[in-house]
Amino acid sequence: MTSQSVDDFRLTVLNPGGRDPEQHFQETTGPGEGEHPPINFHGYAACTRGVFHHDPRRAIAEGTPVLLLLRGEFRASERALSRSKDGRSLFR
């Protein structure tokens, strides 16, 4: 991952093993467009024009900082964390 300026900052939100579909927020959408409004943790991805993922490999491939959501069952989150330890930034 390379250093990003504030204007170019993008955040990938990772909910490992979650059921929500992958959602990209690079383009601004109007009311009623897209999967669903960016509420809850989707909002973090939306306000940075980033991406919401449930698949750790796809999240890491984005090449942006990752916000790892810790679920009630930590195994999926723990596996995602171990995959990211190859020099990628990870926020918890």
C-alpha atoms as a PDB file:
ATOM      1  CA  MET A   1       0.000   0.000   0.000  1.00  0.00           C
ATOM      2  CA  THR A   2       1.329   3.412  -0.879  1.00  0.00           C
ATOM      3  CA  SER A   3       0.943   6.620   1.076  1.00  0.00           C
ATOM      4  CA  GLN A   4      -2.167   8.573   0.152  1.00  0.00           C
ATOM      5  CA  SER A   5      -2.934  12.260   0.412  1.00  0.00           C
ATOM      6  CA  VAL A   6      -5.997  13.320   2.367  1.00  0.00           C
ATOM      7  CA  ASP A   7      -7.849  14.123  -0.862  1.00  0.00           C
ATOM      8  CA  ASP A   8      -7.177  10.634  -2.267  1.00  0.00           C
ATOM      9  CA  PHE A   9      -7.859   8.651   0.920  1.00  0.00           C
ATOM     10  CA  ARG A  10     -10.023   5.560   0.356  1.00  0.00           C
ATOM     11  CA  LEU A  11     -11.031   3.088   3.041  1.00  0.00           C
ATOM     12  CA  THR A  12     -11.931  -0.552   2.603  1.00  0.00           C
ATOM     13  CA  VAL A  13     -14.327  -1.811   5.275  1.00  0.00           C
ATOM     14  CA  LEU A  14     -14.029  -5.567   5.822  1.00  0.00           C
ATOM     15  CA  ASN A  15     -16.742  -7.590   7.532  1.00  0.00           C
ATOM     16  CA  PRO A  16     -15.208 -11.075   7.210  1.00  0.00           C
ATOM     17  CA  GLY A  17     -17.819 -13.742   6.750  1.00  0.00           C
ATOM     18  CA  GLY A  18     -20.626 -11.168   6.682  1.00  0.00           C
ATOM     19  CA  ARG A  19     -23.706 -11.465   4.501  1.00  0.00           C
ATOM     20  CA  ASP A  20     -23.786  -7.970   3.000  1.00  0.00           C
ATOM     21  CA  PRO A  21     -22.700  -7.921  -0.647  1.00  0.00           C
ATOM     22  CA  GLU A  22     -19.585  -6.166  -1.864  1.00  0.00           C
ATOM     23  CA  GLN A  23     -20.403  -2.514  -2.433  1.00  0.00           C
ATOM     24  CA  HIS A  24     -18.300   0.156  -4.167  1.00  0.00           C
ATOM     25  CA  PHE A  25     -18.750   3.840  -3.366  1.00  0.00           C
ATOM     26  CA  GLN A  26     -16.335   5.500  -5.818  1.00  0.00           C
ATOM     27  CA  GLU A  27     -19.233   7.195  -7.591  1.00  0.00           C
ATOM     28  CA  THR A  28     -21.875   9.237  -5.801  1.00  0.00           C
ATOM     29  CA  THR A  29     -25.335   7.737  -6.235  1.00  0.00           C
ATOM     30  CA  GLY A  30     -28.720   9.350  -5.906  1.00  0.00           C
ATOM     31  CA  PRO A  31     -31.636   8.254  -3.732  1.00  0.00           C
ATOM     32  CA  GLY A  32     -32.880   4.791  -4.667  1.00  0.00           C
ATOM     33  CA  GLU A  33     -29.713   3.902  -6.610  1.00  0.00           C
ATOM     34  CA  GLY A  34     -27.203   1.218  -5.639  1.00  0.00           C
ATOM     35  CA  GLU A  35     -27.545  -1.764  -3.290  1.00  0.00           C
ATOM     36  CA  HIS A  36     -28.905   0.172  -0.310  1.00  0.00           C
ATOM     37  CA  PRO A  37     -28.150   3.475   1.425  1.00  0.00           C
ATOM     38  CA  PRO A  38     -24.732   3.514   3.109  1.00  0.00           C
ATOM     39  CA  ILE A  39     -25.774   3.117   6.741  1.00  0.00           C
ATOM     40  CA  ASN A  40     -23.886   1.706   9.719  1.00  0.00           C
ATOM     41  CA  PHE A  41     -20.398   0.525   8.724  1.00  0.00           C
ATOM     42  CA  HIS A  42     -21.136   0.992   5.019  1.00  0.00           C
ATOM     43  CA  GLY A  43     -21.050   4.713   5.822  1.00  0.00           C
ATOM     44  CA  TYR A  44     -17.312   4.589   6.566  1.00  0.00           C
ATOM     45  CA  ALA A  45     -16.628   3.220   3.104  1.00  0.00           C
ATOM     46  CA  ALA A  46     -19.079   5.636   1.485  1.00  0.00           C
ATOM     47  CA  CYS A  47     -17.710   8.810   3.086  1.00  0.00           C
ATOM     48  CA  THR A  48     -14.195   7.960   1.832  1.00  0.00           C
ATOM     49  CA  ARG A  49     -15.393   6.762  -1.597  1.00  0.00           C
ATOM     50  CA  GLY A  50     -14.119   3.308  -0.666  1.00  0.00           C
ATOM     51  CA  VAL A  51     -15.449  -0.244  -0.708  1.00  0.00           C
ATOM     52  CA  PHE A  52     -17.344  -2.578   1.640  1.00  0.00           C
ATOM     53  CA  HIS A  53     -16.226  -6.246   1.514  1.00  0.00           C
ATOM     54  CA  HIS A  54     -16.935  -9.542   3.250  1.00  0.00           C
ATOM     55  CA  ASP A  55     -14.119 -11.438   1.478  1.00  0.00           C
ATOM     56  CA  PRO A  56     -10.664 -10.755   3.017  1.00  0.00           C
ATOM     57  CA  ARG A  57      -8.745 -11.558  -0.179  1.00  0.00           C
ATOM     58  CA  ARG A  58     -10.774  -9.086  -2.233  1.00  0.00           C
ATOM     59  CA  ALA A  59     -10.467  -6.441   0.503  1.00  0.00           C
ATOM     60  CA  ILE A  60      -6.674  -6.753   0.655  1.00  0.00           C
ATOM     61  CA  ALA A  61      -6.487  -6.644  -3.153  1.00  0.00           C
ATOM     62  CA  GLU A  62      -7.999  -3.129  -3.078  1.00  0.00           C
ATOM     63  CA  GLY A  63      -4.614  -1.828  -1.900  1.00  0.00           C
ATOM     64  CA  THR A  64      -6.193   0.676   0.500  1.00  0.00           C
ATOM     65  CA  PRO A  65      -6.260   0.814   4.307  1.00  0.00           C
ATOM     66  CA  VAL A  66      -8.644  -1.763   5.775  1.00  0.00           C
ATOM     67  CA  LEU A  67     -11.050  -1.237   8.659  1.00  0.00           C
ATOM     68  CA  LEU A  68     -11.518  -4.754  10.051  1.00  0.00           C
ATOM     69  CA  LEU A  69     -14.850  -5.257  11.807  1.00  0.00           C
ATOM     70  CA  LEU A  70     -14.645  -7.621  14.758  1.00  0.00           C
ATOM     71  CA  ARG A  71     -17.678  -9.869  14.737  1.00  0.00           C
ATOM     72  CA  GLY A  72     -19.142 -11.774  17.683  1.00  0.00           C
ATOM     73  CA  GLU A  73     -17.458 -14.922  16.384  1.00  0.00           C
ATOM     74  CA  PHE A  74     -13.817 -13.844  16.056  1.00  0.00           C
ATOM     75  CA  ARG A  75     -12.459 -16.684  13.882  1.00  0.00           C
ATOM     76  CA  ALA A  76     -13.244 -15.007  10.553  1.00  0.00           C
ATOM     77  CA  SER A  77     -11.799 -11.695  11.802  1.00  0.00           C
ATOM     78  CA  GLU A  78      -8.678 -13.440  13.096  1.00  0.00           C
ATOM     79  CA  ARG A  79      -8.114 -15.176   9.734  1.00  0.00           C
ATOM     80  CA  ALA A  80      -8.547 -11.856   7.912  1.00  0.00           C
ATOM     81  CA  LEU A  81      -6.016 -10.212  10.221  1.00  0.00           C
ATOM     82  CA  SER A  82      -3.422 -12.933   9.616  1.00  0.00           C
ATOM     83  CA  ARG A  83      -3.853 -12.571   5.832  1.00  0.00           C
ATOM     84  CA  SER A  84      -3.263  -8.839   6.047  1.00  0.00           C
ATOM     85  CA  LYS A  85       0.096  -9.047   7.818  1.00  0.00           C
ATOM     86  CA  ASP A  86       2.039  -8.781   4.569  1.00  0.00           C
ATOM     87  CA  GLY A  87       2.701  -5.059   4.933  1.00  0.00           C
ATOM     88  CA  ARG A  88      -0.820  -3.744   4.449  1.00  0.00           C
ATOM     89  CA  SER A  89      -2.225  -1.170   6.851  1.00  0.00           C
ATOM     90  CA  LEU A  90      -4.984  -2.440   9.055  1.00  0.00           C
ATOM     91  CA  PHE A  91      -7.083  -0.410  11.465  1.00  0.00           C
ATOM     92  CA  ARG A  92      -9.075  -2.024  14.274  1.00  0.00           C
END
